[in-house]
PDB file of all heavy atoms in Angstrom:
ATOM      1  N   ALA A   1      64.170-137.465 -36.761  1.00  0.00           N
ATOM      2  CA  ALA A   1      64.733-138.566 -35.710  1.00  0.00           C
ATOM      3  C   ALA A   1      66.191-138.700 -35.800  1.00  0.00           C
ATOM      4  O   ALA A   1      66.824-139.020 -34.745  1.00  0.00           O
ATOM      5  CB  ALA A   1      64.126-139.912 -36.104  1.00  0.00           C
ATOM      6  N   VAL A   2      66.852-138.519 -36.952  1.00  0.00           N
ATOM      7  CA  VAL A   2      68.330-138.670 -37.071  1.00  0.00           C
ATOM      8  C   VAL A   2      69.071-137.527 -36.357  1.00  0.00           C
ATOM      9  O   VAL A   2      68.610-136.498 -36.395  1.00  0.00           O
ATOM     10  CB  VAL A   2      68.908-138.722 -38.506  1.00  0.00           C
ATOM     11  CG1 VAL A   2      68.255-139.966 -39.123  1.00  0.00           C
ATOM     12  CG2 VAL A   2      68.412-137.557 -39.391  1.00  0.00           C
ATOM     13  N   ASP A   3      70.108-137.891 -35.755  1.00  0.00           N
ATOM     14  CA  ASP A   3      70.936-136.874 -34.929  1.00  0.00           C
ATOM     15  C   ASP A   3      72.419-136.985 -35.458  1.00  0.00           C
ATOM     16  O   ASP A   3      73.170-136.101 -34.774  1.00  0.00           O
ATOM     17  CB  ASP A   3      70.804-137.121 -33.525  1.00  0.00           C
ATOM     18  CG  ASP A   3      71.486-138.528 -33.091  1.00  0.00           C
ATOM     19  OD1 ASP A   3      71.745-139.251 -33.909  1.00  0.00           O
ATOM     20  OD2 ASP A   3      71.371-138.733 -31.932  1.00  0.00           O
ATOM     21  N   GLU A   4      72.813-137.487 -36.468  1.00  0.00           N
ATOM     22  CA  GLU A   4      74.104-137.384 -36.976  1.00  0.00           C
ATOM     23  C   GLU A   4      74.253-136.515 -38.236  1.00  0.00           C
ATOM     24  O   GLU A   4      73.360-136.620 -39.105  1.00  0.00           O
ATOM     25  CB  GLU A   4      74.605-138.850 -37.341  1.00  0.00           C
ATOM     26  CG  GLU A   4      74.840-139.746 -36.263  1.00  0.00           C
ATOM     27  CD  GLU A   4      75.973-139.414 -35.377  1.00  0.00           C
ATOM     28  OE1 GLU A   4      76.917-138.700 -35.922  1.00  0.00           O
ATOM     29  OE2 GLU A   4      75.971-139.640 -34.178  1.00  0.00           O
ATOM     30  N   PRO A   5      75.027-135.581 -38.305  1.00  0.00           N
ATOM     31  CA  PRO A   5      75.045-134.488 -39.291  1.00  0.00           C
ATOM     32  C   PRO A   5      75.122-135.126 -40.602  1.00  0.00           C
ATOM     33  O   PRO A   5      74.393-134.624 -41.534  1.00  0.00           O
ATOM     34  CB  PRO A   5      76.342-133.753 -39.061  1.00  0.00           C
ATOM     35  CG  PRO A   5      76.406-133.819 -37.553  1.00  0.00           C
ATOM     36  CD  PRO A   5      76.103-135.259 -37.134  1.00  0.00           C
ATOM     37  N   GLU A   6      75.872-136.045 -40.848  1.00  0.00           N
ATOM     38  CA  GLU A   6      76.035-136.713 -42.288  1.00  0.00           C
ATOM     39  C   GLU A   6      74.699-137.417 -42.670  1.00  0.00           C
ATOM     40  O   GLU A   6      74.241-137.300 -43.680  1.00  0.00           O
ATOM     41  CB  GLU A   6      77.202-137.687 -42.298  1.00  0.00           C
ATOM     42  CG  GLU A   6      77.397-138.269 -43.717  1.00  0.00           C
ATOM     43  CD  GLU A   6      78.576-139.063 -43.771  1.00  0.00           C
ATOM     44  OE1 GLU A   6      79.436-139.177 -42.924  1.00  0.00           O
ATOM     45  OE2 GLU A   6      78.738-139.670 -44.942  1.00  0.00           O
ATOM     46  N   ALA A   7      74.217-138.141 -41.662  1.00  0.00           N
ATOM     47  CA  ALA A   7      72.900-138.814 -41.978  1.00  0.00           C
ATOM     48  C   ALA A   7      71.782-137.947 -42.191  1.00  0.00           C
ATOM     49  O   ALA A   7      71.009-138.047 -43.146  1.00  0.00           O
ATOM     50  CB  ALA A   7      72.531-139.727 -40.840  1.00  0.00           C
ATOM     51  N   ARG A   8      71.799-136.771 -41.455  1.00  0.00           N
ATOM     52  CA  ARG A   8      70.815-135.760 -41.676  1.00  0.00           C
ATOM     53  C   ARG A   8      70.841-135.078 -43.215  1.00  0.00           C
ATOM     54  O   ARG A   8      69.869-134.905 -43.791  1.00  0.00           O
ATOM     55  CB  ARG A   8      70.962-134.702 -40.626  1.00  0.00           C
ATOM     56  CG  ARG A   8      69.988-133.577 -40.527  1.00  0.00           C
ATOM     57  CD  ARG A   8      70.127-132.624 -39.334  1.00  0.00           C
ATOM     58  NE  ARG A   8      69.044-131.665 -39.193  1.00  0.00           N
ATOM     59  CZ  ARG A   8      68.912-130.664 -39.939  1.00  0.00           C
ATOM     60  NH1 ARG A   8      69.867-130.348 -40.744  1.00  0.00           N
ATOM     61  NH2 ARG A   8      67.912-129.821 -39.795  1.00  0.00           N
ATOM     62  N   ARG A   9      72.106-134.789 -43.505  1.00  0.00           N
ATOM     63  CA  ARG A   9      72.311-134.239 -44.869  1.00  0.00           C
ATOM     64  C   ARG A   9      71.769-135.189 -46.008  1.00  0.00           C
ATOM     65  O   ARG A   9      71.109-134.773 -46.870  1.00  0.00           O
ATOM     66  CB  ARG A   9      73.792-133.985 -45.116  1.00  0.00           C
ATOM     67  CG  ARG A   9      74.329-132.714 -44.353  1.00  0.00           C
ATOM     68  CD  ARG A   9      75.583-132.281 -44.866  1.00  0.00           C
ATOM     69  NE  ARG A   9      76.627-133.301 -44.588  1.00  0.00           N
ATOM     70  CZ  ARG A   9      77.405-133.266 -43.447  1.00  0.00           C
ATOM     71  NH1 ARG A   9      77.208-132.292 -42.573  1.00  0.00           N
ATOM     72  NH2 ARG A   9      78.247-134.068 -43.193  1.00  0.00           N
ATOM     73  N   ASP A  10      72.016-136.519 -45.617  1.00  0.00           N
ATOM     74  CA  ASP A  10      71.564-137.502 -46.634  1.00  0.00           C
ATOM     75  C   ASP A  10      69.987-137.579 -46.736  1.00  0.00           C
ATOM     76  O   ASP A  10      69.442-137.661 -47.755  1.00  0.00           O
ATOM     77  CB  ASP A  10      72.142-138.892 -46.224  1.00  0.00           C
ATOM     78  CG  ASP A  10      73.664-139.149 -46.460  1.00  0.00           C
ATOM     79  OD1 ASP A  10      74.158-138.217 -47.291  1.00  0.00           O
ATOM     80  OD2 ASP A  10      74.226-139.928 -45.905  1.00  0.00           O
ATOM     81  N   ARG A  11      69.323-137.396 -45.552  1.00  0.00           N
ATOM     82  CA  ARG A  11      67.935-137.525 -45.447  1.00  0.00           C
ATOM     83  C   ARG A  11      67.259-136.300 -46.253  1.00  0.00           C
ATOM     84  O   ARG A  11      66.261-136.309 -46.738  1.00  0.00           O
ATOM     85  CB  ARG A  11      67.455-137.591 -44.079  1.00  0.00           C
ATOM     86  CG  ARG A  11      67.629-138.903 -43.202  1.00  0.00           C
ATOM     87  CD  ARG A  11      68.118-140.110 -43.988  1.00  0.00           C
ATOM     88  NE  ARG A  11      67.287-140.534 -45.036  1.00  0.00           N
ATOM     89  CZ  ARG A  11      67.717-141.307 -46.040  1.00  0.00           C
ATOM     90  NH1 ARG A  11      69.096-141.648 -46.115  1.00  0.00           N
ATOM     91  NH2 ARG A  11      66.939-141.715 -47.043  1.00  0.00           N
ATOM     92  N   ILE A  12      67.938-135.158 -46.000  1.00  0.00           N
ATOM     93  CA  ILE A  12      67.464-133.897 -46.728  1.00  0.00           C
ATOM     94  C   ILE A  12      67.575-134.047 -48.113  1.00  0.00           C
ATOM     95  O   ILE A  12      66.680-133.711 -48.878  1.00  0.00           O
ATOM     96  CB  ILE A  12      68.160-132.627 -46.135  1.00  0.00           C
ATOM     97  CG1 ILE A  12      67.844-132.376 -44.710  1.00  0.00           C
ATOM     98  CG2 ILE A  12      67.922-131.465 -47.057  1.00  0.00           C
ATOM     99  CD1 ILE A  12      68.689-131.200 -44.115  1.00  0.00           C
ATOM    100  N   ALA A  13      68.739-134.636 -48.616  1.00  0.00           N
ATOM    101  CA  ALA A  13      68.878-134.751 -50.131  1.00  0.00           C
ATOM    102  C   ALA A  13      67.834-135.796 -50.554  1.00  0.00           C
ATOM    103  O   ALA A  13      67.320-135.551 -51.727  1.00  0.00           O
ATOM    104  CB  ALA A  13      70.386-135.409 -50.262  1.00  0.00           C
ATOM    105  N   ALA A  14      67.600-136.906 -49.822  1.00  0.00           N
ATOM    106  CA  ALA A  14      66.608-137.758 -50.324  1.00  0.00           C
ATOM    107  C   ALA A  14      65.156-137.153 -50.256  1.00  0.00           C
ATOM    108  O   ALA A  14      64.407-137.492 -51.256  1.00  0.00           O
ATOM    109  CB  ALA A  14      66.628-139.009 -49.356  1.00  0.00           C
ATOM    110  N   LEU A  15      64.942-136.433 -49.394  1.00  0.00           N
ATOM    111  CA  LEU A  15      63.607-135.719 -49.336  1.00  0.00           C
ATOM    112  C   LEU A  15      63.369-134.791 -50.534  1.00  0.00           C
ATOM    113  O   LEU A  15      62.378-134.867 -51.289  1.00  0.00           O
ATOM    114  CB  LEU A  15      63.326-135.071 -48.006  1.00  0.00           C
ATOM    115  CG  LEU A  15      61.972-134.549 -47.675  1.00  0.00           C
ATOM    116  CD1 LEU A  15      61.828-134.498 -46.212  1.00  0.00           C
ATOM    117  CD2 LEU A  15      61.830-133.105 -48.164  1.00  0.00           C
ATOM    118  N   GLU A  16      64.377-133.965 -50.758  1.00  0.00           N
ATOM    119  CA  GLU A  16      64.286-133.145 -51.830  1.00  0.00           C
ATOM    120  C   GLU A  16      64.297-133.695 -53.265  1.00  0.00           C
ATOM    121  O   GLU A  16      63.727-133.296 -54.182  1.00  0.00           O
ATOM    122  CB  GLU A  16      65.546-132.122 -51.775  1.00  0.00           C
ATOM    123  CG  GLU A  16      65.374-131.164 -50.632  1.00  0.00           C
ATOM    124  CD  GLU A  16      66.450-130.087 -50.536  1.00  0.00           C
ATOM    125  OE1 GLU A  16      67.643-130.386 -50.751  1.00  0.00           O
ATOM    126  OE2 GLU A  16      66.119-128.874 -50.181  1.00  0.00           O
ATOM    127  N   ALA A  17      65.050-134.945 -53.284  1.00  0.00           N
ATOM    128  CA  ALA A  17      65.024-135.769 -54.615  1.00  0.00           C
ATOM    129  C   ALA A  17      63.627-136.246 -54.942  1.00  0.00           C
ATOM    130  O   ALA A  17      63.499-136.752 -56.043  1.00  0.00           O
ATOM    131  CB  ALA A  17      66.060-136.789 -54.433  1.00  0.00           C
ATOM    132  N   ALA A  18      62.779-136.435 -53.880  1.00  0.00           N
ATOM    133  CA  ALA A  18      61.404-136.989 -54.008  1.00  0.00           C
ATOM    134  C   ALA A  18      60.504-135.994 -54.639  1.00  0.00           C
ATOM    135  O   ALA A  18      59.317-136.306 -55.061  1.00  0.00           O
ATOM    136  CB  ALA A  18      60.904-137.451 -52.739  1.00  0.00           C
ATOM    137  N   LEU A  19      61.021-134.668 -54.874  1.00  0.00           N
ATOM    138  CA  LEU A  19      60.070-133.609 -55.340  1.00  0.00           C
ATOM    139  C   LEU A  19      60.421-133.334 -56.895  1.00  0.00           C
ATOM    140  O   LEU A  19      61.595-133.219 -57.292  1.00  0.00           O
ATOM    141  CB  LEU A  19      60.338-132.330 -54.592  1.00  0.00           C
ATOM    142  CG  LEU A  19      59.992-132.394 -53.066  1.00  0.00           C
ATOM    143  CD1 LEU A  19      60.259-131.101 -52.509  1.00  0.00           C
ATOM    144  CD2 LEU A  19      58.631-132.836 -52.801  1.00  0.00           C
ATOM    145  N   GLY A  20      59.366-133.413 -57.656  1.00  0.00           N
ATOM    146  CA  GLY A  20      59.377-133.151 -59.150  1.00  0.00           C
ATOM    147  C   GLY A  20      59.591-131.540 -59.352  1.00  0.00           C
ATOM    148  O   GLY A  20      59.603-130.852 -58.404  1.00  0.00           O
ATOM    149  N   PRO A  21      59.662-131.262 -60.560  1.00  0.00           N
ATOM    150  CA  PRO A  21      59.993-129.841 -60.912  1.00  0.00           C
ATOM    151  C   PRO A  21      58.835-128.783 -60.407  1.00  0.00           C
ATOM    152  O   PRO A  21      59.012-127.674 -60.172  1.00  0.00           O
ATOM    153  CB  PRO A  21      60.044-129.811 -62.571  1.00  0.00           C
ATOM    154  CG  PRO A  21      60.332-131.221 -62.847  1.00  0.00           C
ATOM    155  CD  PRO A  21      59.755-132.084 -61.753  1.00  0.00           C
ATOM    156  N   ALA A  22      57.714-129.424 -60.389  1.00  0.00           N
ATOM    157  CA  ALA A  22      56.438-128.568 -59.939  1.00  0.00           C
ATOM    158  C   ALA A  22      56.121-128.866 -58.344  1.00  0.00           C
ATOM    159  O   ALA A  22      55.002-128.494 -58.053  1.00  0.00           O
ATOM    160  CB  ALA A  22      55.315-128.777 -60.817  1.00  0.00           C
ATOM    161  N   GLY A  23      56.955-129.521 -57.726  1.00  0.00           N
ATOM    162  CA  GLY A  23      56.625-129.786 -56.273  1.00  0.00           C
ATOM    163  C   GLY A  23      55.961-131.149 -56.169  1.00  0.00           C
ATOM    164  O   GLY A  23      55.464-131.447 -55.101  1.00  0.00           O
ATOM    165  N   GLU A  24      55.670-131.751 -57.348  1.00  0.00           N
ATOM    166  CA  GLU A  24      54.988-133.032 -57.126  1.00  0.00           C
ATOM    167  C   GLU A  24      55.777-134.210 -56.651  1.00  0.00           C
ATOM    168  O   GLU A  24      57.028-134.066 -56.739  1.00  0.00           O
ATOM    169  CB  GLU A  24      54.316-133.551 -58.511  1.00  0.00           C
ATOM    170  CG  GLU A  24      55.379-133.982 -59.473  1.00  0.00           C
ATOM    171  CD  GLU A  24      56.099-132.964 -60.234  1.00  0.00           C
ATOM    172  OE1 GLU A  24      56.111-131.768 -59.880  1.00  0.00           O
ATOM    173  OE2 GLU A  24      56.802-133.354 -61.159  1.00  0.00           O
ATOM    174  N   LEU A  25      55.186-135.201 -56.063  1.00  0.00           N
ATOM    175  CA  LEU A  25      56.031-136.399 -55.631  1.00  0.00           C
ATOM    176  C   LEU A  25      56.329-137.271 -56.803  1.00  0.00           C
ATOM    177  O   LEU A  25      55.339-137.585 -57.559  1.00  0.00           O
ATOM    178  CB  LEU A  25      55.199-137.166 -54.522  1.00  0.00           C
ATOM    179  CG  LEU A  25      55.049-136.288 -53.228  1.00  0.00           C
ATOM    180  CD1 LEU A  25      54.183-137.123 -52.297  1.00  0.00           C
ATOM    181  CD2 LEU A  25      56.240-135.785 -52.692  1.00  0.00           C
ATOM    182  N   VAL A  26      57.480-137.564 -57.003  1.00  0.00           N
ATOM    183  CA  VAL A  26      57.968-138.241 -58.308  1.00  0.00           C
ATOM    184  C   VAL A  26      57.863-139.714 -58.104  1.00  0.00           C
ATOM    185  O   VAL A  26      58.133-140.494 -59.111  1.00  0.00           O
ATOM    186  CB  VAL A  26      59.376-137.837 -58.647  1.00  0.00           C
ATOM    187  CG1 VAL A  26      59.405-136.334 -58.965  1.00  0.00           C
ATOM    188  CG2 VAL A  26      60.378-138.185 -57.550  1.00  0.00           C
ATOM    189  N   HIS A  27      57.705-140.390 -57.029  1.00  0.00           N
ATOM    190  CA  HIS A  27      57.591-141.899 -56.876  1.00  0.00           C
ATOM    191  C   HIS A  27      56.470-142.395 -57.692  1.00  0.00           C
ATOM    192  O   HIS A  27      55.372-141.767 -57.777  1.00  0.00           O
ATOM    193  CB  HIS A  27      57.471-142.276 -55.430  1.00  0.00           C
ATOM    194  CG  HIS A  27      58.524-141.735 -54.462  1.00  0.00           C
ATOM    195  ND1 HIS A  27      59.769-142.184 -54.621  1.00  0.00           N
ATOM    196  CD2 HIS A  27      58.466-140.828 -53.580  1.00  0.00           C
ATOM    197  CE1 HIS A  27      60.490-141.579 -53.793  1.00  0.00           C
ATOM    198  NE2 HIS A  27      59.809-140.694 -53.081  1.00  0.00           N
ATOM    199  N   ALA A  28      56.745-143.515 -58.371  1.00  0.00           N
ATOM    200  CA  ALA A  28      55.836-143.987 -59.322  1.00  0.00           C
ATOM    201  C   ALA A  28      54.496-144.679 -58.903  1.00  0.00           C
ATOM    202  O   ALA A  28      53.441-144.168 -58.664  1.00  0.00           O
ATOM    203  CB  ALA A  28      56.602-144.941 -60.220  1.00  0.00           C
ATOM    204  N   ASP A  29      54.631-145.941 -58.505  1.00  0.00           N
ATOM    205  CA  ASP A  29      53.444-146.684 -58.043  1.00  0.00           C
ATOM    206  C   ASP A  29      53.594-147.512 -56.878  1.00  0.00           C
ATOM    207  O   ASP A  29      54.717-147.569 -56.264  1.00  0.00           O
ATOM    208  CB  ASP A  29      52.940-147.558 -59.175  1.00  0.00           C
ATOM    209  CG  ASP A  29      54.064-148.466 -59.769  1.00  0.00           C
ATOM    210  OD1 ASP A  29      54.847-149.070 -58.844  1.00  0.00           O
ATOM    211  OD2 ASP A  29      54.113-148.637 -60.926  1.00  0.00           O
ATOM    212  N   HIS A  30      52.588-148.109 -56.315  1.00  0.00           N
ATOM    213  CA  HIS A  30      52.712-148.851 -54.978  1.00  0.00           C
ATOM    214  C   HIS A  30      53.772-149.894 -55.049  1.00  0.00           C
ATOM    215  O   HIS A  30      54.494-150.199 -54.179  1.00  0.00           O
ATOM    216  CB  HIS A  30      51.296-149.334 -54.614  1.00  0.00           C
ATOM    217  CG  HIS A  30      51.341-150.062 -53.316  1.00  0.00           C
ATOM    218  ND1 HIS A  30      51.466-149.407 -52.145  1.00  0.00           N
ATOM    219  CD2 HIS A  30      51.363-151.411 -52.994  1.00  0.00           C
ATOM    220  CE1 HIS A  30      51.660-150.336 -51.027  1.00  0.00           C
ATOM    221  NE2 HIS A  30      51.486-151.489 -51.676  1.00  0.00           N
ATOM    222  N   GLU A  31      53.854-150.566 -56.267  1.00  0.00           N
ATOM    223  CA  GLU A  31      54.694-151.676 -56.407  1.00  0.00           C
ATOM    224  C   GLU A  31      56.205-151.317 -56.154  1.00  0.00           C
ATOM    225  O   GLU A  31      56.960-152.000 -55.502  1.00  0.00           O
ATOM    226  CB  GLU A  31      54.553-152.389 -57.842  1.00  0.00           C
ATOM    227  CG  GLU A  31      55.558-153.530 -57.994  1.00  0.00           C
ATOM    228  CD  GLU A  31      55.367-154.066 -59.413  1.00  0.00           C
ATOM    229  OE1 GLU A  31      54.448-153.702 -60.167  1.00  0.00           O
ATOM    230  OE2 GLU A  31      56.168-154.953 -59.829  1.00  0.00           O
ATOM    231  N   HIS A  32      56.594-150.096 -56.629  1.00  0.00           N
ATOM    232  CA  HIS A  32      57.862-149.596 -56.455  1.00  0.00           C
ATOM    233  C   HIS A  32      58.138-148.918 -55.054  1.00  0.00           C
ATOM    234  O   HIS A  32      59.109-148.978 -54.449  1.00  0.00           O
ATOM    235  CB  HIS A  32      58.283-148.670 -57.600  1.00  0.00           C
ATOM    236  CG  HIS A  32      58.481-149.245 -58.918  1.00  0.00           C
ATOM    237  ND1 HIS A  32      57.270-149.362 -59.793  1.00  0.00           N
ATOM    238  CD2 HIS A  32      59.351-149.913 -59.488  1.00  0.00           C
ATOM    239  CE1 HIS A  32      57.654-150.004 -60.928  1.00  0.00           C
ATOM    240  NE2 HIS A  32      58.954-150.387 -60.779  1.00  0.00           N
TER     241      HIS A  32
END
């Protein structure tokens, strides 16, 4: 949905940061 280059780079970085070393999702539990 984003159309600003800087915001797009930030969203790509956030998405990749959500992936663990084996491709698993690193977010902990529902509370967080």
